[in-house]
N, C-alpha and C. Protein backbone atom coordinates (compact mmCIF):
# COMPACT_ATOMS: atom_id res chain seq x y z
N UNK A 1 6.47 56.83 -8.72
CA UNK A 1 7.26 56.37 -7.63
C UNK A 1 6.38 55.82 -6.51
N UNK A 2 5.15 56.35 -6.41
CA UNK A 2 4.26 55.85 -5.36
C UNK A 2 3.97 54.37 -5.55
N UNK A 3 3.89 53.90 -6.79
CA UNK A 3 3.64 52.49 -7.03
C UNK A 3 4.79 51.63 -6.51
N UNK A 4 6.01 52.10 -6.68
CA UNK A 4 7.17 51.35 -6.18
C UNK A 4 7.14 51.30 -4.66
N UNK A 5 6.79 52.41 -4.01
CA UNK A 5 6.72 52.40 -2.55
C UNK A 5 5.62 51.48 -2.06
N UNK A 6 4.50 51.44 -2.78
CA UNK A 6 3.42 50.52 -2.40
C UNK A 6 3.90 49.07 -2.49
N UNK A 7 4.55 48.72 -3.59
CA UNK A 7 5.04 47.35 -3.76
C UNK A 7 6.07 47.01 -2.68
N UNK A 8 6.97 47.94 -2.39
CA UNK A 8 7.95 47.70 -1.33
C UNK A 8 7.27 47.57 0.03
N UNK A 9 6.23 48.36 0.26
CA UNK A 9 5.51 48.30 1.52
C UNK A 9 4.80 46.97 1.72
N UNK A 10 4.34 46.38 0.63
CA UNK A 10 3.71 45.06 0.72
C UNK A 10 4.76 44.01 1.05
N UNK A 11 5.96 44.16 0.48
CA UNK A 11 7.02 43.19 0.71
C UNK A 11 7.72 43.42 2.05
N UNK A 12 8.09 44.66 2.33
CA UNK A 12 8.86 44.94 3.54
C UNK A 12 8.71 46.42 3.91
N UNK A 13 8.21 46.66 5.10
CA UNK A 13 8.05 48.03 5.58
C UNK A 13 9.42 48.70 5.73
N UNK A 14 10.41 47.96 6.17
CA UNK A 14 11.74 48.55 6.35
C UNK A 14 12.35 49.02 5.02
N UNK A 15 12.20 48.20 3.96
CA UNK A 15 12.73 48.61 2.66
C UNK A 15 11.95 49.78 2.10
N UNK A 16 10.63 49.83 2.35
CA UNK A 16 9.83 50.96 1.90
C UNK A 16 10.31 52.23 2.60
N UNK A 17 10.56 52.14 3.90
CA UNK A 17 11.04 53.30 4.64
C UNK A 17 12.42 53.74 4.14
N UNK A 18 13.29 52.78 3.85
CA UNK A 18 14.62 53.09 3.34
C UNK A 18 14.54 53.86 2.02
N UNK A 19 13.73 53.38 1.10
CA UNK A 19 13.59 54.05 -0.20
C UNK A 19 12.89 55.40 -0.03
N UNK A 20 11.92 55.49 0.87
CA UNK A 20 11.24 56.76 1.12
C UNK A 20 12.23 57.81 1.66
N UNK A 21 13.13 57.38 2.53
CA UNK A 21 14.16 58.30 3.05
C UNK A 21 15.09 58.74 1.92
N UNK A 22 15.48 57.80 1.07
CA UNK A 22 16.32 58.18 -0.08
C UNK A 22 15.61 59.21 -0.96
N UNK A 23 14.34 59.03 -1.21
CA UNK A 23 13.58 59.97 -2.04
C UNK A 23 13.50 61.33 -1.35
N UNK A 24 13.24 61.33 -0.04
CA UNK A 24 13.14 62.59 0.70
C UNK A 24 14.47 63.35 0.67
N UNK A 25 15.57 62.63 0.90
CA UNK A 25 16.89 63.28 0.86
C UNK A 25 17.16 63.81 -0.54
N UNK A 26 16.76 63.05 -1.54
CA UNK A 26 16.95 63.48 -2.93
C UNK A 26 16.21 64.79 -3.22
N UNK A 27 15.03 64.93 -2.63
CA UNK A 27 14.21 66.12 -2.89
C UNK A 27 14.70 67.35 -2.14
N UNK A 28 15.26 67.19 -0.94
CA UNK A 28 15.61 68.36 -0.13
C UNK A 28 17.10 68.70 -0.14
N UNK A 29 17.93 67.84 -0.68
CA UNK A 29 19.38 68.10 -0.68
C UNK A 29 19.71 69.26 -1.61
N UNK A 30 20.63 70.12 -1.17
CA UNK A 30 21.01 71.25 -2.02
C UNK A 30 21.82 70.82 -3.25
N UNK A 31 22.45 69.68 -3.21
CA UNK A 31 23.24 69.17 -4.33
C UNK A 31 22.50 67.98 -4.93
N UNK A 32 21.34 68.25 -5.54
CA UNK A 32 20.42 67.22 -6.01
C UNK A 32 21.04 66.25 -7.02
N UNK A 33 21.80 66.75 -7.95
CA UNK A 33 22.33 65.85 -8.99
C UNK A 33 23.28 64.81 -8.40
N UNK A 34 24.11 65.22 -7.46
CA UNK A 34 25.03 64.28 -6.82
C UNK A 34 24.26 63.22 -6.04
N UNK A 35 23.25 63.64 -5.29
CA UNK A 35 22.44 62.70 -4.51
C UNK A 35 21.64 61.79 -5.43
N UNK A 36 21.14 62.32 -6.53
CA UNK A 36 20.38 61.50 -7.48
C UNK A 36 21.25 60.40 -8.08
N UNK A 37 22.46 60.75 -8.49
CA UNK A 37 23.36 59.74 -9.06
C UNK A 37 23.81 58.74 -8.00
N UNK A 38 24.03 59.21 -6.79
CA UNK A 38 24.40 58.31 -5.70
C UNK A 38 23.28 57.33 -5.38
N UNK A 39 22.05 57.83 -5.34
CA UNK A 39 20.89 56.98 -5.09
C UNK A 39 20.72 55.96 -6.20
N UNK A 40 20.88 56.40 -7.43
CA UNK A 40 20.75 55.48 -8.57
C UNK A 40 21.82 54.39 -8.49
N UNK A 41 23.04 54.78 -8.18
CA UNK A 41 24.12 53.80 -8.08
C UNK A 41 23.86 52.81 -6.95
N UNK A 42 23.37 53.29 -5.82
CA UNK A 42 23.06 52.41 -4.69
C UNK A 42 21.95 51.43 -5.05
N UNK A 43 20.90 51.90 -5.71
CA UNK A 43 19.80 51.02 -6.08
C UNK A 43 20.21 50.00 -7.14
N UNK A 44 21.08 50.40 -8.08
CA UNK A 44 21.59 49.45 -9.07
C UNK A 44 22.43 48.39 -8.37
N UNK A 45 23.26 48.81 -7.43
CA UNK A 45 24.09 47.86 -6.67
C UNK A 45 23.21 46.86 -5.91
N UNK A 46 22.20 47.36 -5.22
CA UNK A 46 21.30 46.47 -4.49
C UNK A 46 20.59 45.52 -5.45
N UNK A 47 20.18 46.02 -6.61
CA UNK A 47 19.54 45.18 -7.61
C UNK A 47 20.45 44.07 -8.10
N UNK A 48 21.71 44.39 -8.32
CA UNK A 48 22.67 43.37 -8.76
C UNK A 48 22.88 42.33 -7.67
N UNK A 49 22.98 42.78 -6.42
CA UNK A 49 23.14 41.84 -5.31
C UNK A 49 21.93 40.92 -5.22
N UNK A 50 20.73 41.47 -5.37
CA UNK A 50 19.52 40.64 -5.33
C UNK A 50 19.51 39.65 -6.48
N UNK A 51 19.98 40.06 -7.64
CA UNK A 51 20.02 39.18 -8.81
C UNK A 51 21.02 38.05 -8.62
N UNK A 52 22.20 38.37 -8.09
CA UNK A 52 23.26 37.38 -7.93
C UNK A 52 23.03 36.48 -6.72
N UNK A 53 22.68 37.07 -5.60
CA UNK A 53 22.51 36.31 -4.35
C UNK A 53 21.26 36.81 -3.63
N UNK A 54 20.08 36.35 -4.02
CA UNK A 54 18.84 36.88 -3.47
C UNK A 54 18.72 36.74 -1.95
N UNK A 55 19.33 35.75 -1.37
CA UNK A 55 19.21 35.57 0.07
C UNK A 55 20.14 36.49 0.85
N UNK A 56 21.02 37.21 0.17
CA UNK A 56 21.96 38.11 0.84
C UNK A 56 21.31 39.41 1.29
N UNK A 57 20.15 39.74 0.72
CA UNK A 57 19.46 40.98 1.07
C UNK A 57 18.24 40.63 1.90
N UNK A 58 18.29 40.88 3.20
CA UNK A 58 17.17 40.50 4.06
C UNK A 58 15.92 41.33 3.77
N UNK A 59 14.80 40.71 3.87
CA UNK A 59 13.53 41.41 3.70
C UNK A 59 13.02 41.48 2.28
N UNK A 60 13.80 41.05 1.31
CA UNK A 60 13.35 41.10 -0.08
C UNK A 60 13.08 39.72 -0.66
N UNK A 61 13.13 38.71 0.15
CA UNK A 61 12.84 37.36 -0.32
C UNK A 61 11.70 36.77 0.49
N UNK A 62 11.05 35.79 -0.05
CA UNK A 62 9.96 35.12 0.63
C UNK A 62 10.56 34.18 1.68
N UNK A 63 10.08 34.27 2.93
CA UNK A 63 10.62 33.37 3.96
C UNK A 63 10.45 31.91 3.56
N UNK A 64 11.49 31.11 3.71
CA UNK A 64 11.46 29.70 3.36
C UNK A 64 11.74 29.43 1.90
N UNK A 65 11.89 30.46 1.08
CA UNK A 65 12.14 30.27 -0.34
C UNK A 65 13.51 29.65 -0.59
N UNK A 66 14.49 29.97 0.24
CA UNK A 66 15.83 29.41 0.09
C UNK A 66 15.79 27.89 0.21
N UNK A 67 15.00 27.39 1.17
CA UNK A 67 14.88 25.94 1.34
C UNK A 67 14.24 25.30 0.12
N UNK A 68 13.27 25.97 -0.49
CA UNK A 68 12.59 25.43 -1.66
C UNK A 68 13.52 25.43 -2.88
N UNK A 69 14.41 26.43 -2.96
CA UNK A 69 15.32 26.51 -4.09
C UNK A 69 16.39 25.42 -4.03
N UNK A 70 16.69 24.94 -2.83
CA UNK A 70 17.73 23.93 -2.66
C UNK A 70 17.24 22.55 -3.04
N UNK A 71 15.93 22.35 -3.17
CA UNK A 71 15.39 21.02 -3.50
C UNK A 71 15.63 20.65 -4.92
């Protein structure tokens, strides 16, 4: 998981912090299985949104890439 946080940190500090908070909550929550499934569902949803509309998720795209894709 540290590798994923490193990659997110290179792309966006805010997204790295968001995922780090999800991991922390997952580790300390008394109802771990519910939080784990909720986190997985949230990350799958975000992944689908990035796949379908990459510009809809701020901080996960290269600035100016939208203009290049329109050419």
